[in-house]
Amino acid sequence: VLSVLKTGAVCAFSKNAEGRLVPT
């Protein structure tokens, strides 16, 4: 989650097959 925390609202992320959170 540290990889996305400073993204401003509104945003969303889902975990991909490699275990990384990617924009959705």
PDB file of all heavy atoms in Angstrom:
ATOM      1  N   VAL A   1       0.829  -1.215   0.000  1.00  0.00           N
ATOM      2  CA  VAL A   1       0.000   0.000   0.000  1.00  0.00           C
ATOM      3  C   VAL A   1       0.862   1.263   0.000  1.00  0.00           C
ATOM      4  O   VAL A   1       0.397   2.331  -0.395  1.00  0.00           O
ATOM      5  CB  VAL A   1      -0.992   0.023   1.183  1.00  0.00           C
ATOM      6  CG1 VAL A   1      -1.876  -1.209   1.176  1.00  0.00           C
ATOM      7  CG2 VAL A   1      -0.291   0.184   2.520  1.00  0.00           C
ATOM      8  N   LEU A   2       2.103   1.141   0.455  1.00  0.00           N
ATOM      9  CA  LEU A   2       2.990   2.310   0.435  1.00  0.00           C
ATOM     10  C   LEU A   2       3.189   2.844  -0.976  1.00  0.00           C
ATOM     11  O   LEU A   2       3.502   4.025  -1.164  1.00  0.00           O
ATOM     12  CB  LEU A   2       4.353   1.944   1.036  1.00  0.00           C
ATOM     13  CG  LEU A   2       4.377   1.611   2.539  1.00  0.00           C
ATOM     14  CD1 LEU A   2       5.726   1.017   2.917  1.00  0.00           C
ATOM     15  CD2 LEU A   2       4.076   2.847   3.371  1.00  0.00           C
ATOM     16  N   SER A   3       2.993   1.989  -1.972  1.00  0.00           N
ATOM     17  CA  SER A   3       3.226   2.390  -3.360  1.00  0.00           C
ATOM     18  C   SER A   3       2.133   3.284  -3.925  1.00  0.00           C
ATOM     19  O   SER A   3       2.279   3.819  -5.019  1.00  0.00           O
ATOM     20  CB  SER A   3       3.366   1.141  -4.239  1.00  0.00           C
ATOM     21  OG  SER A   3       2.131   0.455  -4.343  1.00  0.00           O
ATOM     22  N   VAL A   4       1.019   3.456  -3.179  1.00  0.00           N
ATOM     23  CA  VAL A   4      -0.091   4.235  -3.731  1.00  0.00           C
ATOM     24  C   VAL A   4      -0.603   5.322  -2.788  1.00  0.00           C
ATOM     25  O   VAL A   4      -1.448   6.131  -3.177  1.00  0.00           O
ATOM     26  CB  VAL A   4      -1.278   3.304  -4.110  1.00  0.00           C
ATOM     27  CG1 VAL A   4      -0.838   2.233  -5.095  1.00  0.00           C
ATOM     28  CG2 VAL A   4      -1.911   2.666  -2.876  1.00  0.00           C
ATOM     29  N   LEU A   5      -0.125   5.358  -1.575  1.00  0.00           N
ATOM     30  CA  LEU A   5      -0.773   6.155  -0.533  1.00  0.00           C
ATOM     31  C   LEU A   5      -0.893   7.639  -0.833  1.00  0.00           C
ATOM     32  O   LEU A   5      -1.842   8.294  -0.389  1.00  0.00           O
ATOM     33  CB  LEU A   5      -0.044   5.979   0.800  1.00  0.00           C
ATOM     34  CG  LEU A   5      -0.318   4.667   1.543  1.00  0.00           C
ATOM     35  CD1 LEU A   5       0.384   4.679   2.887  1.00  0.00           C
ATOM     36  CD2 LEU A   5      -1.805   4.419   1.721  1.00  0.00           C
ATOM     37  N   LYS A   6       0.034   8.198  -1.596  1.00  0.00           N
ATOM     38  CA  LYS A   6      -0.024   9.640  -1.817  1.00  0.00           C
ATOM     39  C   LYS A   6      -0.819  10.035  -3.057  1.00  0.00           C
ATOM     40  O   LYS A   6      -0.846  11.203  -3.442  1.00  0.00           O
ATOM     41  CB  LYS A   6       1.397  10.210  -1.874  1.00  0.00           C
ATOM     42  CG  LYS A   6       2.069  10.190  -0.501  1.00  0.00           C
ATOM     43  CD  LYS A   6       3.270  11.097  -0.419  1.00  0.00           C
ATOM     44  CE  LYS A   6       3.787  11.183   1.010  1.00  0.00           C
ATOM     45  NZ  LYS A   6       4.944  12.104   1.137  1.00  0.00           N
ATOM     46  N   THR A   7      -1.477   9.056  -3.659  1.00  0.00           N
ATOM     47  CA  THR A   7      -2.369   9.358  -4.779  1.00  0.00           C
ATOM     48  C   THR A   7      -3.600  10.070  -4.239  1.00  0.00           C
ATOM     49  O   THR A   7      -4.208   9.636  -3.264  1.00  0.00           O
ATOM     50  CB  THR A   7      -2.795   8.068  -5.510  1.00  0.00           C
ATOM     51  OG1 THR A   7      -1.643   7.275  -5.770  1.00  0.00           O
ATOM     52  CG2 THR A   7      -3.512   8.399  -6.808  1.00  0.00           C
ATOM     53  N   GLY A   8      -3.986  11.161  -4.872  1.00  0.00           N
ATOM     54  CA  GLY A   8      -5.105  11.953  -4.369  1.00  0.00           C
ATOM     55  C   GLY A   8      -6.451  11.313  -4.631  1.00  0.00           C
ATOM     56  O   GLY A   8      -6.603  10.452  -5.498  1.00  0.00           O
ATOM     57  N   ALA A   9      -7.452  11.751  -3.870  1.00  0.00           N
ATOM     58  CA  ALA A   9      -8.821  11.293  -4.087  1.00  0.00           C
ATOM     59  C   ALA A   9      -9.383  11.967  -5.347  1.00  0.00           C
ATOM     60  O   ALA A   9      -9.032  13.113  -5.659  1.00  0.00           O
ATOM     61  CB  ALA A   9      -9.680  11.653  -2.884  1.00  0.00           C
ATOM     62  N   VAL A  10     -10.216  11.276  -6.116  1.00  0.00           N
ATOM     63  CA  VAL A  10     -10.707   9.920  -5.917  1.00  0.00           C
ATOM     64  C   VAL A  10      -9.853   8.981  -6.757  1.00  0.00           C
ATOM     65  O   VAL A  10      -9.559   9.265  -7.916  1.00  0.00           O
ATOM     66  CB  VAL A  10     -12.179   9.848  -6.330  1.00  0.00           C
ATOM     67  CG1 VAL A  10     -12.674   8.406  -6.307  1.00  0.00           C
ATOM     68  CG2 VAL A  10     -13.044  10.724  -5.435  1.00  0.00           C
ATOM     69  N   CYS A  11      -9.483   7.818  -6.181  1.00  0.00           N
ATOM     70  CA  CYS A  11      -8.682   6.853  -6.902  1.00  0.00           C
ATOM     71  C   CYS A  11      -8.973   5.465  -6.369  1.00  0.00           C
ATOM     72  O   CYS A  11      -9.534   5.313  -5.282  1.00  0.00           O
ATOM     73  CB  CYS A  11      -7.187   7.173  -6.768  1.00  0.00           C
ATOM     74  SG  CYS A  11      -6.575   7.088  -5.066  1.00  0.00           S
ATOM     75  N   ALA A  12      -8.593   4.453  -7.136  1.00  0.00           N
ATOM     76  CA  ALA A  12      -8.797   3.064  -6.704  1.00  0.00           C
ATOM     77  C   ALA A  12      -7.705   2.198  -7.293  1.00  0.00           C
ATOM     78  O   ALA A  12      -7.183   2.473  -8.387  1.00  0.00           O
ATOM     79  CB  ALA A  12     -10.174   2.562  -7.140  1.00  0.00           C
ATOM     80  N   PHE A  13      -7.372   1.117  -6.582  1.00  0.00           N
ATOM     81  CA  PHE A  13      -6.322   0.200  -7.016  1.00  0.00           C
ATOM     82  C   PHE A  13      -6.726  -1.235  -6.692  1.00  0.00           C
ATOM     83  O   PHE A  13      -7.351  -1.493  -5.659  1.00  0.00           O
ATOM     84  CB  PHE A  13      -4.997   0.514  -6.314  1.00  0.00           C
ATOM     85  CG  PHE A  13      -4.468   1.885  -6.607  1.00  0.00           C
ATOM     86  CD1 PHE A  13      -4.849   2.969  -5.831  1.00  0.00           C
ATOM     87  CD2 PHE A  13      -3.606   2.098  -7.675  1.00  0.00           C
ATOM     88  CE1 PHE A  13      -4.382   4.240  -6.098  1.00  0.00           C
ATOM     89  CE2 PHE A  13      -3.133   3.365  -7.956  1.00  0.00           C
ATOM     90  CZ  PHE A  13      -3.519   4.442  -7.171  1.00  0.00           C
ATOM     91  N   SER A  14      -6.359  -2.139  -7.575  1.00  0.00           N
ATOM     92  CA  SER A  14      -6.581  -3.564  -7.329  1.00  0.00           C
ATOM     93  C   SER A  14      -5.275  -4.309  -7.524  1.00  0.00           C
ATOM     94  O   SER A  14      -4.391  -3.865  -8.267  1.00  0.00           O
ATOM     95  CB  SER A  14      -7.665  -4.124  -8.254  1.00  0.00           C
ATOM     96  OG  SER A  14      -7.291  -3.945  -9.613  1.00  0.00           O
ATOM     97  N   LYS A  15      -5.126  -5.437  -6.846  1.00  0.00           N
ATOM     98  CA  LYS A  15      -3.885  -6.211  -6.883  1.00  0.00           C
ATOM     99  C   LYS A  15      -3.855  -7.059  -8.151  1.00  0.00           C
ATOM    100  O   LYS A  15      -4.819  -7.764  -8.468  1.00  0.00           O
ATOM    101  CB  LYS A  15      -3.824  -7.082  -5.627  1.00  0.00           C
ATOM    102  CG  LYS A  15      -2.473  -7.684  -5.295  1.00  0.00           C
ATOM    103  CD  LYS A  15      -1.475  -6.682  -4.748  1.00  0.00           C
ATOM    104  CE  LYS A  15      -1.699  -6.177  -3.354  1.00  0.00           C
ATOM    105  NZ  LYS A  15      -1.497  -7.107  -2.273  1.00  0.00           N
ATOM    106  N   ASN A  16      -2.754  -6.988  -8.869  1.00  0.00           N
ATOM    107  CA  ASN A  16      -2.627  -7.803 -10.088  1.00  0.00           C
ATOM    108  C   ASN A  16      -1.957  -9.139  -9.760  1.00  0.00           C
ATOM    109  O   ASN A  16      -1.652  -9.437  -8.597  1.00  0.00           O
ATOM    110  CB  ASN A  16      -1.869  -7.044 -11.184  1.00  0.00           C
ATOM    111  CG  ASN A  16      -0.412  -6.757 -10.824  1.00  0.00           C
ATOM    112  OD1 ASN A  16       0.134  -7.308  -9.865  1.00  0.00           O
ATOM    113  ND2 ASN A  16       0.228  -5.888 -11.597  1.00  0.00           N
ATOM    114  N   ALA A  17      -1.711  -9.948 -10.796  1.00  0.00           N
ATOM    115  CA  ALA A  17      -1.159 -11.289 -10.596  1.00  0.00           C
ATOM    116  C   ALA A  17       0.233 -11.254  -9.993  1.00  0.00           C
ATOM    117  O   ALA A  17       0.675 -12.224  -9.368  1.00  0.00           O
ATOM    118  CB  ALA A  17      -1.141 -12.047 -11.929  1.00  0.00           C
ATOM    119  N   GLU A  18       0.945 -10.147 -10.190  1.00  0.00           N
ATOM    120  CA  GLU A  18       2.289 -10.017  -9.640  1.00  0.00           C
ATOM    121  C   GLU A  18       2.283  -9.466  -8.213  1.00  0.00           C
ATOM    122  O   GLU A  18       3.338  -9.244  -7.620  1.00  0.00           O
ATOM    123  CB  GLU A  18       3.150  -9.096 -10.515  1.00  0.00           C
ATOM    124  CG  GLU A  18       3.572  -9.716 -11.847  1.00  0.00           C
ATOM    125  CD  GLU A  18       2.415  -9.803 -12.834  1.00  0.00           C
ATOM    126  OE1 GLU A  18       1.627  -8.837 -12.905  1.00  0.00           O
ATOM    127  OE2 GLU A  18       2.305 -10.845 -13.508  1.00  0.00           O
ATOM    128  N   GLY A  19       1.088  -9.236  -7.678  1.00  0.00           N
ATOM    129  CA  GLY A  19       0.998  -8.731  -6.316  1.00  0.00           C
ATOM    130  C   GLY A  19       1.193  -7.241  -6.189  1.00  0.00           C
ATOM    131  O   GLY A  19       1.440  -6.731  -5.090  1.00  0.00           O
ATOM    132  N   ARG A  20       1.075  -6.508  -7.309  1.00  0.00           N
ATOM    133  CA  ARG A  20       1.225  -5.056  -7.282  1.00  0.00           C
ATOM    134  C   ARG A  20      -0.141  -4.394  -7.377  1.00  0.00           C
ATOM    135  O   ARG A  20      -1.030  -4.869  -8.091  1.00  0.00           O
ATOM    136  CB  ARG A  20       2.105  -4.579  -8.445  1.00  0.00           C
ATOM    137  CG  ARG A  20       3.475  -5.228  -8.502  1.00  0.00           C
ATOM    138  CD  ARG A  20       4.255  -5.042  -7.205  1.00  0.00           C
ATOM    139  NE  ARG A  20       4.430  -3.647  -6.849  1.00  0.00           N
ATOM    140  CZ  ARG A  20       5.439  -2.885  -7.267  1.00  0.00           C
ATOM    141  NH1 ARG A  20       6.352  -3.392  -8.083  1.00  0.00           N
ATOM    142  NH2 ARG A  20       5.525  -1.621  -6.892  1.00  0.00           N
ATOM    143  N   LEU A  21      -0.304  -3.284  -6.700  1.00  0.00           N
ATOM    144  CA  LEU A  21      -1.533  -2.506  -6.784  1.00  0.00           C
ATOM    145  C   LEU A  21      -1.476  -1.624  -8.023  1.00  0.00           C
ATOM    146  O   LEU A  21      -0.548  -0.827  -8.187  1.00  0.00           O
ATOM    147  CB  LEU A  21      -1.711  -1.645  -5.534  1.00  0.00           C
ATOM    148  CG  LEU A  21      -2.098  -2.413  -4.261  1.00  0.00           C
ATOM    149  CD1 LEU A  21      -1.972  -1.514  -3.034  1.00  0.00           C
ATOM    150  CD2 LEU A  21      -3.517  -2.970  -4.363  1.00  0.00           C
ATOM    151  N   VAL A  22      -2.465  -1.790  -8.896  1.00  0.00           N
ATOM    152  CA  VAL A  22      -2.497  -1.043 -10.147  1.00  0.00           C
ATOM    153  C   VAL A  22      -3.802  -0.251 -10.235  1.00  0.00           C
ATOM    154  O   VAL A  22      -4.821  -0.642  -9.660  1.00  0.00           O
ATOM    155  CB  VAL A  22      -2.375  -1.995 -11.360  1.00  0.00           C
ATOM    156  CG1 VAL A  22      -1.020  -2.690 -11.348  1.00  0.00           C
ATOM    157  CG2 VAL A  22      -3.502  -3.027 -11.369  1.00  0.00           C
ATOM    158  N   PRO A  23      -3.791   0.891 -10.943  1.00  0.00           N
ATOM    159  CA  PRO A  23      -5.000   1.725 -11.030  1.00  0.00           C
ATOM    160  C   PRO A  23      -6.170   0.966 -11.636  1.00  0.00           C
ATOM    161  O   PRO A  23      -6.005   0.134 -12.532  1.00  0.00           O
ATOM    162  CB  PRO A  23      -4.561   2.877 -11.943  1.00  0.00           C
ATOM    163  CG  PRO A  23      -3.067   2.902 -11.839  1.00  0.00           C
ATOM    164  CD  PRO A  23      -2.651   1.478 -11.670  1.00  0.00           C
ATOM    165  N   THR A  24      -7.361   1.260 -11.119  1.00  0.00           N
ATOM    166  CA  THR A  24      -8.572   0.647 -11.640  1.00  0.00           C
ATOM    167  C   THR A  24      -9.701   1.675 -11.565  1.00  0.00           C
ATOM    168  O   THR A  24      -9.714   2.517 -10.648  1.00  0.00           O
ATOM    169  CB  THR A  24      -8.933  -0.619 -10.841  1.00  0.00           C
ATOM    170  OG1 THR A  24     -10.010  -1.306 -11.461  1.00  0.00           O
ATOM    171  CG2 THR A  24      -9.336  -0.281  -9.412  1.00  0.00           C
TER     172      THR A  24
END
